[in-house]
C-alpha atoms as a PDB file:
ATOM      1  CA  MET A   1      40.517  16.798  38.518  1.00  0.00           C
ATOM      2  CA  ARG A   2      41.120  13.497  36.750  1.00  0.00           C
ATOM      3  CA  ASP A   3      37.246  12.359  38.267  1.00  0.00           C
ATOM      4  CA  LEU A   4      35.630  15.684  37.365  1.00  0.00           C
ATOM      5  CA  HIS A   5      36.574  14.740  33.501  1.00  0.00           C
ATOM      6  CA  LEU A   6      35.576  11.237  33.998  1.00  0.00           C
ATOM      7  CA  LYS A   7      31.909  12.645  35.610  1.00  0.00           C
ATOM      8  CA  THR A   8      31.682  15.187  33.100  1.00  0.00           C
ATOM      9  CA  THR A   9      32.354  12.807  29.984  1.00  0.00           C
ATOM     10  CA  LEU A  10      29.998   9.837  31.094  1.00  0.00           C
ATOM     11  CA  ILE A  11      27.225  12.601  32.024  1.00  0.00           C
ATOM     12  CA  PHE A  12      27.617  13.572  28.398  1.00  0.00           C
ATOM     13  CA  LEU A  13      27.653  10.190  26.382  1.00  0.00           C
ATOM     14  CA  VAL A  14      24.480   9.598  29.431  1.00  0.00           C
ATOM     15  CA  LEU A  15      22.591  12.735  27.760  1.00  0.00           C
ATOM     16  CA  THR A  16      23.412  11.404  23.958  1.00  0.00           C
ATOM     17  CA  ILE A  17      22.473   8.290  24.291  1.00  0.00           C
ATOM     18  CA  ASN A  18      19.201   9.263  26.065  1.00  0.00           C
ATOM     19  CA  GLY A  19      18.850  11.720  22.723  1.00  0.00           C
ATOM     20  CA  PHE A  20      19.280   9.476  20.594  1.00  0.00           C
ATOM     21  CA  THR A  21      16.401   6.761  21.952  1.00  0.00           C
ATOM     22  CA  THR A  22      13.951   9.321  22.608  1.00  0.00           C
ATOM     23  CA  PHE A  23      14.069  10.359  19.037  1.00  0.00           C
ATOM     24  CA  SER A  24      13.773   6.811  18.001  1.00  0.00           C
ATOM     25  CA  GLN A  25      10.735   6.100  19.870  1.00  0.00           C
ATOM     26  CA  SER A  26       9.377   9.191  18.474  1.00  0.00           C
ATOM     27  CA  PHE A  27       9.704   8.509  15.162  1.00  0.00           C
ATOM     28  CA  ASN A  28       8.321   4.411  15.692  1.00  0.00           C
ATOM     29  CA  ASP A  29       5.381   6.231  18.064  1.00  0.00           C
ATOM     30  CA  ASP A  30       4.306   9.245  15.474  1.00  0.00           C
ATOM     31  CA  LYS A  31       4.135   5.964  12.638  1.00  0.00           C
ATOM     32  CA  ILE A  32       1.808   3.929  15.135  1.00  0.00           C
ATOM     33  CA  THR A  33      -0.194   6.330  15.340  1.00  0.00           C
ATOM     34  CA  PHE A  34      -0.359   7.171  11.598  1.00  0.00           C
ATOM     35  CA  GLY A  35      -1.350   3.537  11.504  1.00  0.00           C
ATOM     36  CA  ASN A  36      -3.787   3.314  13.745  1.00  0.00           C
ATOM     37  CA  PHE A  37      -5.595   6.505  12.036  1.00  0.00           C
ATOM     38  CA  LEU A  38      -5.260   5.032   8.510  1.00  0.00           C
ATOM     39  CA  LYS A  39      -6.942   1.914  10.379  1.00  0.00           C
ATOM     40  CA  ARG A  40      -9.883   3.746  11.757  1.00  0.00           C
ATOM     41  CA  MET A  41     -10.379   5.394   8.158  1.00  0.00           C
ATOM     42  CA  PHE A  42     -10.506   2.286   6.261  1.00  0.00           C
ATOM     43  CA  THR A  43     -12.561   0.703   9.402  1.00  0.00           C
ATOM     44  CA  ALA A  44     -14.574   3.660   8.693  1.00  0.00           C
ATOM     45  CA  THR A  45     -15.381   4.034   5.380  1.00  0.00           C
ATOM     46  CA  PRO A  46     -13.237   0.491   3.452  1.00  0.00           C
ATOM     47  CA  PHE A  47     -11.230   1.885   0.379  1.00  0.00           C
ATOM     48  CA  GLU A  48      -8.310   0.606  -1.533  1.00  0.00           C
ATOM     49  CA  GLY A  49      -6.183   2.042  -3.758  1.00  0.00           C
ATOM     50  CA  ILE A  50      -4.067   5.752  -3.361  1.00  0.00           C
ATOM     51  CA  LYS A  51      -4.690   8.157  -0.933  1.00  0.00           C
ATOM     52  CA  ILE A  52      -2.897  11.077  -0.283  1.00  0.00           C
ATOM     53  CA  VAL A  53      -3.026  12.479   3.532  1.00  0.00           C
ATOM     54  CA  ASP A  54      -1.821  14.971   5.317  1.00  0.00           C
ATOM     55  CA  ASP A  55       0.266  15.357   8.555  1.00  0.00           C
ATOM     56  CA  TYR A  56       0.900  18.187  10.023  1.00  0.00           C
ATOM     57  CA  ASN A  57       4.103  19.135   8.488  1.00  0.00           C
ATOM     58  CA  GLN A  58       4.391  15.874   6.100  1.00  0.00           C
ATOM     59  CA  SER A  59       2.443  14.613   2.712  1.00  0.00           C
ATOM     60  CA  TYR A  60       2.266  10.793   2.426  1.00  0.00           C
ATOM     61  CA  LEU A  61       1.149   8.852  -0.544  1.00  0.00           C
ATOM     62  CA  VAL A  62      -0.806   5.786   1.225  1.00  0.00           C
ATOM     63  CA  SER A  63      -0.957   2.808  -0.833  1.00  0.00           C
ATOM     64  CA  VAL A  64      -3.967   0.311   0.641  1.00  0.00           C
ATOM     65  CA  ILE A  65      -4.288  -3.185  -0.644  1.00  0.00           C
ATOM     66  CA  THR A  66      -6.866  -5.879  -0.098  1.00  0.00           C
ATOM     67  CA  LEU A  67      -6.709 -10.112  -0.758  1.00  0.00           C
ATOM     68  CA  ASP A  68      -8.591 -12.882  -0.146  1.00  0.00           C
ATOM     69  CA  LYS A  69      -6.475 -15.119   2.538  1.00  0.00           C
ATOM     70  CA  SER A  70      -8.049 -18.218   0.455  1.00  0.00           C
ATOM     71  CA  LYS A  71      -6.198 -17.927  -2.879  1.00  0.00           C
ATOM     72  CA  TYR A  72      -2.679 -17.204  -0.917  1.00  0.00           C
ATOM     73  CA  THR A  73      -1.060 -20.530   0.477  1.00  0.00           C
ATOM     74  CA  SER A  74       1.711 -18.399   2.931  1.00  0.00           C
ATOM     75  CA  MET A  75       1.867 -15.037   4.567  1.00  0.00           C
ATOM     76  CA  SER A  76       5.275 -14.661   2.876  1.00  0.00           C
ATOM     77  CA  VAL A  77       3.569 -15.210  -0.719  1.00  0.00           C
ATOM     78  CA  MET A  78       0.624 -12.655   0.581  1.00  0.00           C
ATOM     79  CA  ASN A  79       3.243  -9.961   1.649  1.00  0.00           C
ATOM     80  CA  ARG A  80       4.905 -10.018  -2.246  1.00  0.00           C
ATOM     81  CA  VAL A  81       2.073  -9.991  -3.618  1.00  0.00           C
ATOM     82  CA  ALA A  82       0.932  -6.907  -1.696  1.00  0.00           C
ATOM     83  CA  GLN A  83       3.947  -5.300  -2.086  1.00  0.00           C
ATOM     84  CA  VAL A  84       4.000  -6.079  -5.702  1.00  0.00           C
ATOM     85  CA  LYS A  85       0.371  -4.368  -6.038  1.00  0.00           C
ATOM     86  CA  ALA A  86       0.848  -1.701  -3.576  1.00  0.00           C
ATOM     87  CA  GLN A  87       4.047  -0.898  -6.182  1.00  0.00           C
ATOM     88  CA  SER A  88       2.169  -1.085  -9.481  1.00  0.00           C
ATOM     89  CA  GLN A  89      -0.408   1.516  -8.029  1.00  0.00           C
ATOM     90  CA  ALA A  90       1.891   3.723  -6.562  1.00  0.00           C
ATOM     91  CA  ASN A  91       3.808   4.276  -9.848  1.00  0.00           C
ATOM     92  CA  THR A  92       0.711   4.350 -11.914  1.00  0.00           C
ATOM     93  CA  PHE A  93      -0.660   7.206 -10.145  1.00  0.00           C
ATOM     94  CA  ILE A  94       3.313   9.189 -10.239  1.00  0.00           C
ATOM     95  CA  ASN A  95       3.984   8.423 -13.470  1.00  0.00           C
ATOM     96  CA  GLY A  96       0.517   7.781 -15.445  1.00  0.00           C
ATOM     97  CA  SER A  97      -0.133   4.783 -17.317  1.00  0.00           C
ATOM     98  CA  SER A  98      -1.443   4.408 -20.613  1.00  0.00           C
ATOM     99  CA  ILE A  99      -4.794   2.297 -21.500  1.00  0.00           C
ATOM    100  CA  SER A 100      -5.497   0.392 -24.925  1.00  0.00           C
ATOM    101  CA  SER A 101      -9.190  -1.928 -24.898  1.00  0.00           C
ATOM    102  CA  ASP A 102     -10.320  -4.568 -28.056  1.00  0.00           C
ATOM    103  CA  LEU A 103     -13.630  -5.221 -27.544  1.00  0.00           C
ATOM    104  CA  ILE A 104     -14.799  -8.519 -29.701  1.00  0.00           C
ATOM    105  CA  ILE A 105     -18.361  -9.939 -30.861  1.00  0.00           C
ATOM    106  CA  LYS A 106     -18.420 -13.081 -31.761  1.00  0.00           C
ATOM    107  CA  THR A 107     -21.471 -14.231 -32.816  1.00  0.00           C
ATOM    108  CA  SER A 108     -22.043 -17.986 -34.081  1.00  0.00           C
ATOM    109  CA  GLU A 109     -25.423 -20.171 -34.426  1.00  0.00           C
ATOM    110  CA  LYS A 110     -26.293 -23.643 -34.289  1.00  0.00           C
ATOM    111  CA  LYS A 111     -29.040 -24.862 -36.407  1.00  0.00           C
ATOM    112  CA  SER A 112     -31.195 -27.904 -35.638  1.00  0.00           C
ATOM    113  CA  ASN A 113     -34.018 -29.909 -36.799  1.00  0.00           C
ATOM    114  CA  ASN A 114     -36.290 -27.082 -37.023  1.00  0.00           C
ATOM    115  CA  SER A 115     -34.916 -24.007 -35.501  1.00  0.00           C
ATOM    116  CA  VAL A 116     -31.794 -21.703 -35.366  1.00  0.00           C
ATOM    117  CA  GLU A 117     -29.827 -20.696 -32.304  1.00  0.00           C
ATOM    118  CA  SER A 118     -27.338 -17.723 -32.300  1.00  0.00           C
ATOM    119  CA  ILE A 119     -24.612 -17.573 -29.940  1.00  0.00           C
ATOM    120  CA  THR A 120     -23.412 -14.223 -29.411  1.00  0.00           C
ATOM    121  CA  GLU A 121     -19.601 -13.908 -26.756  1.00  0.00           C
ATOM    122  CA  ILE A 122     -18.280 -10.743 -26.078  1.00  0.00           C
ATOM    123  CA  LEU A 123     -15.016 -11.030 -24.979  1.00  0.00           C
ATOM    124  CA  GLU A 124     -12.898  -7.301 -23.662  1.00  0.00           C
ATOM    125  CA  SER A 125      -9.185  -7.143 -22.689  1.00  0.00           C
ATOM    126  CA  ILE A 126      -8.325  -4.531 -21.427  1.00  0.00           C
ATOM    127  CA  LYS A 127      -4.557  -4.078 -21.496  1.00  0.00           C
ATOM    128  CA  VAL A 128      -2.661  -1.466 -18.796  1.00  0.00           C
ATOM    129  CA  ASN A 129       1.049   0.427 -19.449  1.00  0.00           C
ATOM    130  CA  SER A 130       2.965   1.566 -17.160  1.00  0.00           C
ATOM    131  CA  TYR A 131       6.280   2.833 -16.715  1.00  0.00           C
ATOM    132  CA  GLY A 132       8.764   3.633 -13.240  1.00  0.00           C
ATOM    133  CA  PHE A 133      10.159   3.036 -10.561  1.00  0.00           C
ATOM    134  CA  THR A 134       8.503   3.973  -7.082  1.00  0.00           C
ATOM    135  CA  ARG A 135      11.478   4.357  -4.535  1.00  0.00           C
ATOM    136  CA  GLY A 136      10.504   4.335  -0.510  1.00  0.00           C
ATOM    137  CA  LEU A 137       7.532   2.697  -0.001  1.00  0.00           C
ATOM    138  CA  GLU A 138       7.019   0.550   2.835  1.00  0.00           C
ATOM    139  CA  LEU A 139       4.453  -1.016   4.927  1.00  0.00           C
ATOM    140  CA  LEU A 140       3.156   0.760   7.729  1.00  0.00           C
ATOM    141  CA  THR A 141       0.562  -2.073   9.262  1.00  0.00           C
ATOM    142  CA  ASN A 142      -1.383  -4.469   7.775  1.00  0.00           C
ATOM    143  CA  PHE A 143      -4.628  -6.588   9.257  1.00  0.00           C
ATOM    144  CA  ASP A 144      -7.927  -8.080   8.829  1.00  0.00           C
ATOM    145  CA  ASN A 145     -10.951  -6.640   7.378  1.00  0.00           C
ATOM    146  CA  GLN A 146     -13.769  -6.661   9.673  1.00  0.00           C
ATOM    147  CA  ASP A 147     -15.424  -9.710   8.353  1.00  0.00           C
ATOM    148  CA  GLY A 148     -11.686 -11.815   8.488  1.00  0.00           C
ATOM    149  CA  THR A 149     -12.024 -12.938   4.428  1.00  0.00           C
ATOM    150  CA  ARG A 150      -9.417 -10.452   3.281  1.00  0.00           C
ATOM    151  CA  MET A 151      -6.002  -9.091   4.986  1.00  0.00           C
ATOM    152  CA  VAL A 152      -5.045  -5.388   4.519  1.00  0.00           C
ATOM    153  CA  PHE A 153      -2.048  -3.999   3.610  1.00  0.00           C
ATOM    154  CA  ILE A 154      -1.332  -0.239   3.677  1.00  0.00           C
ATOM    155  CA  TYR A 155       1.757   1.132   2.630  1.00  0.00           C
ATOM    156  CA  PHE A 156       2.984   4.970   2.262  1.00  0.00           C
ATOM    157  CA  ARG A 157       5.966   7.224   1.514  1.00  0.00           C
ATOM    158  CA  ALA A 158       6.069  10.371   2.365  1.00  0.00           C
ATOM    159  CA  LEU A 159       6.073  12.869  -0.620  1.00  0.00           C
ATOM    160  CA  SER A 160       7.484  16.605   0.580  1.00  0.00           C
ATOM    161  CA  SER A 161       6.922  18.144   3.080  1.00  0.00           C
ATOM    162  CA  VAL A 162       4.518  21.673   3.463  1.00  0.00           C
ATOM    163  CA  LYS A 163       5.493  24.878   4.413  1.00  0.00           C
END
């Protein structure tokens, strides 16, 4: 009787552990497949910014950032900059922003012996203010672009279930 109880408990544990590992592998496989899909989409038609992508039963906010590899001293610095930029893009998309612009036209004249030279300088200042917090933005994948000079980072976040 004791052997039967031990065998039943052991079978139950094996089936339970197998169920958990199957689910976790499936979730990771889904992320890899989604990342490969977005990589193919980017390779076919490069883009940067925010996109809403619908899967079978889920909508995702996708933030794509490209950074010039020569401007960063290490991969960790590049990862951090990409994360901050992706969060900024997502925050602006979700919460909106206020934009102000100033245009300054400055003219000056240089006088020499027989001529007057006019110099015009145009300065434009654009400020974007956005307030909010973006939760759950996760790095899905990163890869080199086709010519190898830029690194592409794709972040994503599940939005809501489609019914």
